Amino acid sequence: MLRTTPPPLPDFRNLGVMLRILLLPLLLLFADGLLTLPGNEPLWPWLQTALLLVPGSLLTLALLAVLGPWLARQRLGACWTLAVTGLSFGLCQWRLQLEPALAWQLPALAMLAMALLLHYLSLRQRALSPALAEARLAALQARIRPHFLFNSLNAAIALIRSQPQKAEAVLENLADLFRAQLADPDRASTLAREIELATMYLAIETERLGPRLTISWRIEAPLDAILPPLILQPLVENAVCHGAEQLAGEVEIVIGARLYGGQLELALDNPAPDAPPRPGGNQMALSNLRERLQLFFDAEASLAGEKRGDRYYTLIRLPYRRADKPAPDG
């Protein structure tokens, strides 16, 4: 007989999950407020309903956020989650000295609502799994661009006779990039690894574009910060293909990383041509990255890009989490 593995619990520290947990009591409060409007004293019944729902909901959120990592490791994590919910509402009811008739009814209803919410989040995760897999595959295919492969090989061929060591370095960087792109997409990366991959890519492009391409690094964030795999190198490639490559003369690409307000910010500033972007170019690449971030982090991550004068600015914000140990290469 096969044993079924219980579905994993959601990340209770994720902003999107928190908002969904609060959505039901907020909707109930809103509906109760509409129903009590025709009464003589609409505010008092609404406050009574708020006393029933809000304190227990907030305490449940706080406890689940604190106990989330422990609950995720438990085989009966869902049962423990329901127990925490019931105890939170029961404790709030006891401290607020609400009606004795609700001594067991309110915690039981809260546990039932949490069970339904966990089931909904599990179904949502299953529904997103194909989309996540498809997005990862699309990101992988987008990274293996034929023109980049051909240009890199042509650069290596041109260097073989005159500078064989540089040609070997170009081919080694190319191999490392493709090895990283073909690695398991579920394995998290780090800021240090993403910088390494972007540096490999830029080393190849520098051999092709020559000294007119200048790269400025402004890294002020911990290098062990966890990132989704292949999140920085595509941005750099986008800046080269749709910015530096389209312009004549010297160009500078500025790459930055910092911690701000408890979040990790990745910024990229590159020159942008005056001509409108090519179809399927800059905006499509940013759209693909934005979709990946939403699938990985829900409402906690964002990506924004805008043109300011003759420069294009791209900013990624995502939760800062520290890696327990360095992510393995490729």
Protein backbone atom coordinates (compact mmCIF):
# COMPACT_ATOMS: atom_id res chain seq x y z
CA MET A 1 0.00 0.00 0.00
CA LEU A 2 1.47 3.37 -1.02
CA ARG A 3 1.72 6.09 1.61
CA THR A 4 0.62 9.50 0.48
CA THR A 5 2.76 12.42 1.55
CA PRO A 6 0.77 15.24 3.14
CA PRO A 7 0.81 18.45 1.09
CA PRO A 8 3.42 20.98 2.26
CA LEU A 9 2.26 23.87 4.37
CA PRO A 10 2.33 27.37 2.88
CA ASP A 11 4.95 29.88 3.97
CA PHE A 12 3.08 31.71 6.73
CA ARG A 13 5.64 34.53 6.60
CA ASN A 14 4.77 35.28 2.98
CA LEU A 15 2.84 38.50 2.54
CA GLY A 16 0.47 36.92 0.02
CA VAL A 17 -0.41 34.08 2.43
CA MET A 18 -0.96 36.55 5.27
CA LEU A 19 -3.32 38.62 3.16
CA ARG A 20 -5.31 35.53 2.20
CA ILE A 21 -5.61 34.48 5.85
CA LEU A 22 -6.97 37.93 6.71
CA LEU A 23 -9.25 38.07 3.69
CA LEU A 24 -12.04 35.92 5.18
CA PRO A 25 -12.49 37.84 8.48
CA LEU A 26 -12.28 41.15 6.60
CA LEU A 27 -14.98 40.02 4.18
CA LEU A 28 -17.15 38.88 7.08
CA LEU A 29 -16.69 42.22 8.82
CA PHE A 30 -17.57 44.06 5.62
CA ALA A 31 -20.69 41.95 5.10
CA ASP A 32 -21.71 42.38 8.73
CA GLY A 33 -21.28 46.14 8.43
CA LEU A 34 -23.60 46.20 5.41
CA LEU A 35 -26.22 44.08 7.19
CA THR A 36 -26.24 46.28 10.31
CA LEU A 37 -26.53 49.58 8.46
CA PRO A 38 -30.37 49.65 8.50
CA GLY A 39 -30.42 49.20 12.31
CA ASN A 40 -30.78 51.93 14.92
CA GLU A 41 -27.27 51.40 16.30
CA PRO A 42 -25.20 49.89 13.47
CA LEU A 43 -21.81 50.53 15.04
CA TRP A 44 -22.19 48.45 18.20
CA PRO A 45 -23.08 45.10 16.50
CA TRP A 46 -20.26 45.68 14.05
CA LEU A 47 -17.79 46.24 16.91
CA GLN A 48 -18.99 43.04 18.55
CA THR A 49 -18.30 41.11 15.37
CA ALA A 50 -14.88 42.75 15.11
CA LEU A 51 -14.08 41.65 18.67
CA LEU A 52 -14.96 38.10 17.67
CA LEU A 53 -12.80 37.99 14.53
CA VAL A 54 -9.94 40.49 14.52
CA PRO A 55 -7.93 39.65 17.70
CA GLY A 56 -8.00 35.91 17.04
CA SER A 57 -7.04 36.40 13.40
CA LEU A 58 -4.08 38.65 14.26
CA LEU A 59 -2.85 36.34 17.02
CA THR A 60 -3.15 33.38 14.66
CA LEU A 61 -1.08 35.23 12.04
CA ALA A 62 1.62 36.11 14.56
CA LEU A 63 1.91 32.58 15.97
CA LEU A 64 1.95 30.94 12.54
CA ALA A 65 4.66 33.36 11.38
CA VAL A 66 6.79 32.47 14.40
CA LEU A 67 6.11 28.73 14.33
CA GLY A 68 6.06 28.41 10.52
CA PRO A 69 9.52 26.78 10.09
CA TRP A 70 8.78 24.31 12.91
CA LEU A 71 5.32 23.47 11.54
CA ALA A 72 6.78 22.84 8.06
CA ARG A 73 9.04 20.11 9.52
CA GLN A 74 6.23 18.27 11.29
CA ARG A 75 4.51 15.30 9.69
CA LEU A 76 1.18 16.51 11.10
CA GLY A 77 1.90 20.17 10.43
CA ALA A 78 -1.63 20.84 9.19
CA CYS A 79 -3.13 19.46 12.42
CA TRP A 80 -0.79 21.60 14.49
CA THR A 81 -1.81 24.62 12.40
CA LEU A 82 -5.47 23.96 13.16
CA ALA A 83 -4.63 23.57 16.86
CA VAL A 84 -2.77 26.91 16.91
CA THR A 85 -5.77 28.57 15.23
CA GLY A 86 -8.25 27.15 17.72
CA LEU A 87 -6.08 28.04 20.72
CA SER A 88 -5.58 31.60 19.43
CA PHE A 89 -9.29 32.26 19.09
CA GLY A 90 -10.05 30.51 22.38
CA LEU A 91 -7.42 32.56 24.23
CA CYS A 92 -8.69 35.84 22.77
CA GLN A 93 -12.26 34.94 23.66
CA TRP A 94 -11.25 34.09 27.24
CA ARG A 95 -9.23 37.28 27.71
CA LEU A 96 -11.95 39.47 26.19
CA GLN A 97 -14.63 37.70 28.29
CA LEU A 98 -17.00 37.22 25.39
CA GLU A 99 -20.24 35.24 25.56
CA PRO A 100 -19.82 31.82 27.25
CA ALA A 101 -22.02 30.27 24.58
CA LEU A 102 -19.18 30.85 22.11
CA ALA A 103 -16.62 29.02 24.28
CA TRP A 104 -16.21 26.23 21.74
CA GLN A 105 -18.21 27.45 18.75
CA LEU A 106 -15.88 30.30 17.71
CA PRO A 107 -12.60 28.29 17.93
CA ALA A 108 -14.27 25.41 16.07
CA LEU A 109 -15.46 27.72 13.29
CA ALA A 110 -11.99 29.29 13.09
CA MET A 111 -10.40 25.83 12.77
CA LEU A 112 -12.89 24.91 10.05
CA ALA A 113 -12.12 28.14 8.18
CA MET A 114 -8.36 27.45 8.49
CA ALA A 115 -8.84 23.91 7.19
CA LEU A 116 -10.69 25.26 4.16
CA LEU A 117 -7.98 27.88 3.63
CA LEU A 118 -5.19 25.27 3.79
CA HIS A 119 -7.10 23.17 1.27
CA TYR A 120 -7.51 26.18 -1.02
CA LEU A 121 -3.78 27.05 -0.78
CA SER A 122 -2.89 23.43 -1.52
CA LEU A 123 -5.14 23.43 -4.61
CA ARG A 124 -3.67 26.77 -5.66
CA GLN A 125 -0.14 25.39 -5.36
CA ARG A 126 -1.08 22.37 -7.47
CA ALA A 127 -2.68 24.63 -10.06
CA LEU A 128 0.43 26.83 -10.20
CA SER A 129 2.86 23.91 -10.45
CA PRO A 130 2.39 23.45 -14.23
CA ALA A 131 2.65 27.21 -14.74
CA LEU A 132 5.81 27.32 -12.62
CA ALA A 133 7.35 24.45 -14.55
CA GLU A 134 6.39 26.11 -17.84
CA ALA A 135 7.87 29.43 -16.69
CA ARG A 136 11.12 27.72 -15.72
CA LEU A 137 11.28 25.98 -19.07
CA ALA A 138 10.55 29.24 -20.89
CA ALA A 139 13.25 30.99 -18.86
CA LEU A 140 15.71 28.21 -19.72
CA GLN A 141 14.91 28.36 -23.41
CA ALA A 142 15.12 32.16 -23.40
CA ARG A 143 18.58 32.03 -21.86
CA ILE A 144 19.98 29.70 -24.53
CA ARG A 145 19.82 32.25 -27.30
CA PRO A 146 21.32 31.14 -30.60
CA HIS A 147 22.81 34.55 -31.39
CA PHE A 148 24.70 34.58 -28.07
CA LEU A 149 26.05 31.08 -28.71
CA PHE A 150 27.16 31.92 -32.24
CA ASN A 151 28.72 35.24 -31.21
CA SER A 152 30.61 33.58 -28.37
CA LEU A 153 31.93 30.83 -30.62
CA ASN A 154 32.94 33.38 -33.26
CA ALA A 155 34.78 35.40 -30.62
CA ALA A 156 36.62 32.27 -29.47
CA ILE A 157 37.50 31.31 -33.05
CA ALA A 158 38.91 34.78 -33.72
CA LEU A 159 41.15 34.47 -30.64
CA ILE A 160 42.40 30.91 -31.16
CA ARG A 161 45.47 31.80 -33.24
CA SER A 162 46.38 35.20 -31.81
CA GLN A 163 45.43 34.72 -28.13
CA PRO A 164 44.72 31.03 -27.39
CA GLN A 165 44.52 31.57 -23.64
CA LYS A 166 41.72 34.13 -24.04
CA ALA A 167 39.93 31.80 -26.44
CA GLU A 168 40.13 29.04 -23.85
CA ALA A 169 38.77 31.40 -21.18
CA VAL A 170 35.82 32.34 -23.42
CA LEU A 171 34.96 28.68 -24.01
CA GLU A 172 35.30 27.86 -20.31
CA ASN A 173 32.95 30.71 -19.37
CA LEU A 174 30.52 29.61 -22.04
CA ALA A 175 30.55 26.03 -20.74
CA ASP A 176 30.02 27.19 -17.15
CA LEU A 177 27.08 29.36 -18.20
CA PHE A 178 25.38 26.53 -20.04
CA ARG A 179 26.05 24.16 -17.13
CA ALA A 180 24.31 26.60 -14.79
CA GLN A 181 21.41 27.03 -17.19
CA LEU A 182 20.90 23.28 -17.44
CA ALA A 183 21.04 22.75 -13.66
CA ASP A 184 18.04 21.89 -11.51
CA PRO A 185 15.87 25.06 -11.43
CA ASP A 186 14.53 24.14 -7.96
CA ARG A 187 17.94 24.62 -6.35
CA ALA A 188 18.29 28.09 -4.90
CA SER A 189 21.22 30.28 -5.83
CA THR A 190 23.03 33.03 -3.93
CA LEU A 191 24.01 36.58 -4.74
CA ALA A 192 27.65 35.48 -4.98
CA ARG A 193 26.78 32.79 -7.53
CA GLU A 194 24.58 35.14 -9.56
CA ILE A 195 27.38 37.71 -9.67
CA GLU A 196 29.78 34.99 -10.78
CA LEU A 197 27.49 33.93 -13.64
CA ALA A 198 26.92 37.53 -14.72
CA THR A 199 30.68 38.12 -14.66
CA MET A 200 31.23 35.08 -16.89
CA TYR A 201 28.69 36.37 -19.37
CA LEU A 202 30.16 39.88 -19.36
CA ALA A 203 33.67 38.50 -19.87
CA ILE A 204 32.47 36.87 -23.09
CA GLU A 205 30.72 40.02 -24.28
CA THR A 206 33.75 42.14 -23.42
CA GLU A 207 35.88 40.06 -25.77
CA ARG A 208 33.31 40.67 -28.49
CA LEU A 209 32.51 44.36 -27.90
CA GLY A 210 36.00 45.36 -26.83
CA PRO A 211 37.05 48.12 -24.42
CA ARG A 212 34.03 50.29 -25.23
CA LEU A 213 31.98 48.19 -22.76
CA THR A 214 32.52 49.23 -19.12
CA ILE A 215 30.99 47.44 -16.14
CA SER A 216 30.61 49.11 -12.73
CA TRP A 217 29.72 46.94 -9.72
CA ARG A 218 28.15 48.46 -6.60
CA ILE A 219 27.55 45.50 -4.31
CA GLU A 220 26.50 46.50 -0.78
CA ALA A 221 24.50 43.40 0.15
CA PRO A 222 25.54 40.10 1.78
CA LEU A 223 26.86 37.69 -0.81
CA ASP A 224 25.11 34.75 0.88
CA ALA A 225 21.63 36.20 0.19
CA ILE A 226 19.36 33.56 -1.39
CA LEU A 227 18.14 34.26 -4.93
CA PRO A 228 16.19 32.32 -7.53
CA PRO A 229 18.57 30.76 -10.04
CA LEU A 230 19.48 32.80 -13.11
CA ILE A 231 17.87 36.06 -12.03
CA LEU A 232 20.78 38.49 -12.54
CA GLN A 233 22.50 37.17 -15.67
CA PRO A 234 19.34 37.53 -17.83
CA LEU A 235 19.06 41.18 -16.76
CA VAL A 236 22.68 41.80 -17.72
CA GLU A 237 22.19 40.01 -21.03
CA ASN A 238 19.10 42.12 -21.66
CA ALA A 239 21.12 45.29 -20.99
CA VAL A 240 23.82 44.24 -23.45
CA CYS A 241 21.53 43.00 -26.23
CA HIS A 242 18.97 45.81 -26.14
CA GLY A 243 21.22 48.61 -24.89
CA ALA A 244 24.98 48.52 -25.29
CA GLU A 245 24.92 46.46 -28.48
CA GLN A 246 22.62 48.98 -30.20
CA LEU A 247 24.81 52.02 -29.46
CA ALA A 248 28.11 53.27 -30.83
CA GLY A 249 30.99 54.47 -28.70
CA GLU A 250 31.72 53.76 -25.04
CA VAL A 251 28.87 52.46 -22.89
CA GLU A 252 28.64 51.77 -19.16
CA ILE A 253 26.45 49.24 -17.36
CA VAL A 254 26.02 49.75 -13.61
CA ILE A 255 24.99 46.75 -11.49
CA GLY A 256 24.08 47.24 -7.84
CA ALA A 257 22.79 45.23 -4.87
CA ARG A 258 21.84 46.47 -1.42
CA LEU A 259 19.64 45.77 1.58
CA TYR A 260 16.86 48.29 2.09
CA GLY A 261 13.97 48.00 4.51
CA GLY A 262 14.62 44.31 5.11
CA GLN A 263 14.51 43.53 1.39
CA LEU A 264 17.20 42.77 -1.14
CA GLU A 265 17.31 45.21 -4.04
CA LEU A 266 19.02 44.38 -7.34
CA ALA A 267 19.44 47.40 -9.61
CA LEU A 268 20.70 47.65 -13.16
CA ASP A 269 21.36 50.90 -15.03
CA ASN A 270 22.27 50.66 -18.69
CA PRO A 271 22.27 52.92 -21.76
CA ALA A 272 19.18 52.75 -23.93
CA PRO A 273 18.84 53.71 -27.61
CA ASP A 274 16.37 56.38 -28.67
CA ALA A 275 14.70 54.01 -31.14
CA PRO A 276 11.66 52.03 -29.91
CA PRO A 277 12.53 48.57 -28.55
CA ARG A 278 12.51 45.66 -30.92
CA PRO A 279 9.43 43.37 -30.77
CA GLY A 280 9.85 40.63 -28.20
CA GLY A 281 12.86 42.34 -26.70
CA ASN A 282 13.33 44.36 -23.55
CA GLN A 283 9.75 44.40 -22.25
CA MET A 284 9.18 40.70 -22.94
CA ALA A 285 12.36 39.77 -21.06
CA LEU A 286 11.28 41.85 -18.06
CA SER A 287 7.79 40.36 -18.22
CA ASN A 288 9.20 36.83 -18.10
CA LEU A 289 11.39 37.69 -15.09
CA ARG A 290 8.46 39.39 -13.36
CA GLU A 291 6.34 36.27 -13.80
CA ARG A 292 9.09 34.07 -12.34
CA LEU A 293 9.40 36.33 -9.30
CA GLN A 294 5.65 36.27 -8.70
CA LEU A 295 5.56 32.49 -8.93
CA PHE A 296 8.48 32.15 -6.50
CA PHE A 297 7.60 34.88 -3.98
CA ASP A 298 3.94 35.76 -4.58
CA ALA A 299 3.28 39.35 -3.42
CA GLU A 300 6.65 39.80 -1.71
CA ALA A 301 8.72 40.43 -4.85
CA SER A 302 8.48 43.06 -7.56
CA LEU A 303 10.27 44.12 -10.73
CA ALA A 304 10.04 47.57 -12.27
CA GLY A 305 11.76 49.09 -15.27
CA GLU A 306 11.61 52.56 -16.76
CA LYS A 307 13.54 54.73 -19.18
CA ARG A 308 15.01 57.96 -17.82
CA GLY A 309 16.57 60.05 -20.52
CA ASP A 310 19.15 57.97 -22.35
CA ARG A 311 19.35 55.32 -19.59
CA TYR A 312 17.13 52.39 -18.64
CA TYR A 313 16.72 51.51 -14.96
CA THR A 314 15.63 48.10 -13.73
CA LEU A 315 14.94 47.35 -10.06
CA ILE A 316 14.11 44.00 -8.44
CA ARG A 317 12.93 43.80 -4.83
CA LEU A 318 12.62 40.43 -3.09
CA PRO A 319 12.75 39.10 0.48
CA TYR A 320 16.20 38.86 2.02
CA ARG A 321 17.00 35.38 3.29
CA ARG A 322 20.43 34.15 4.27
CA ALA A 323 21.72 30.87 2.88
CA ASP A 324 22.74 28.26 5.46
CA LYS A 325 25.67 27.33 3.26
CA PRO A 326 26.93 28.39 -0.16
CA ALA A 327 24.84 27.09 -3.03
CA PRO A 328 26.63 24.43 -5.07
CA ASP A 329 27.91 25.43 -8.45
CA GLY A 330 25.85 24.61 -11.50
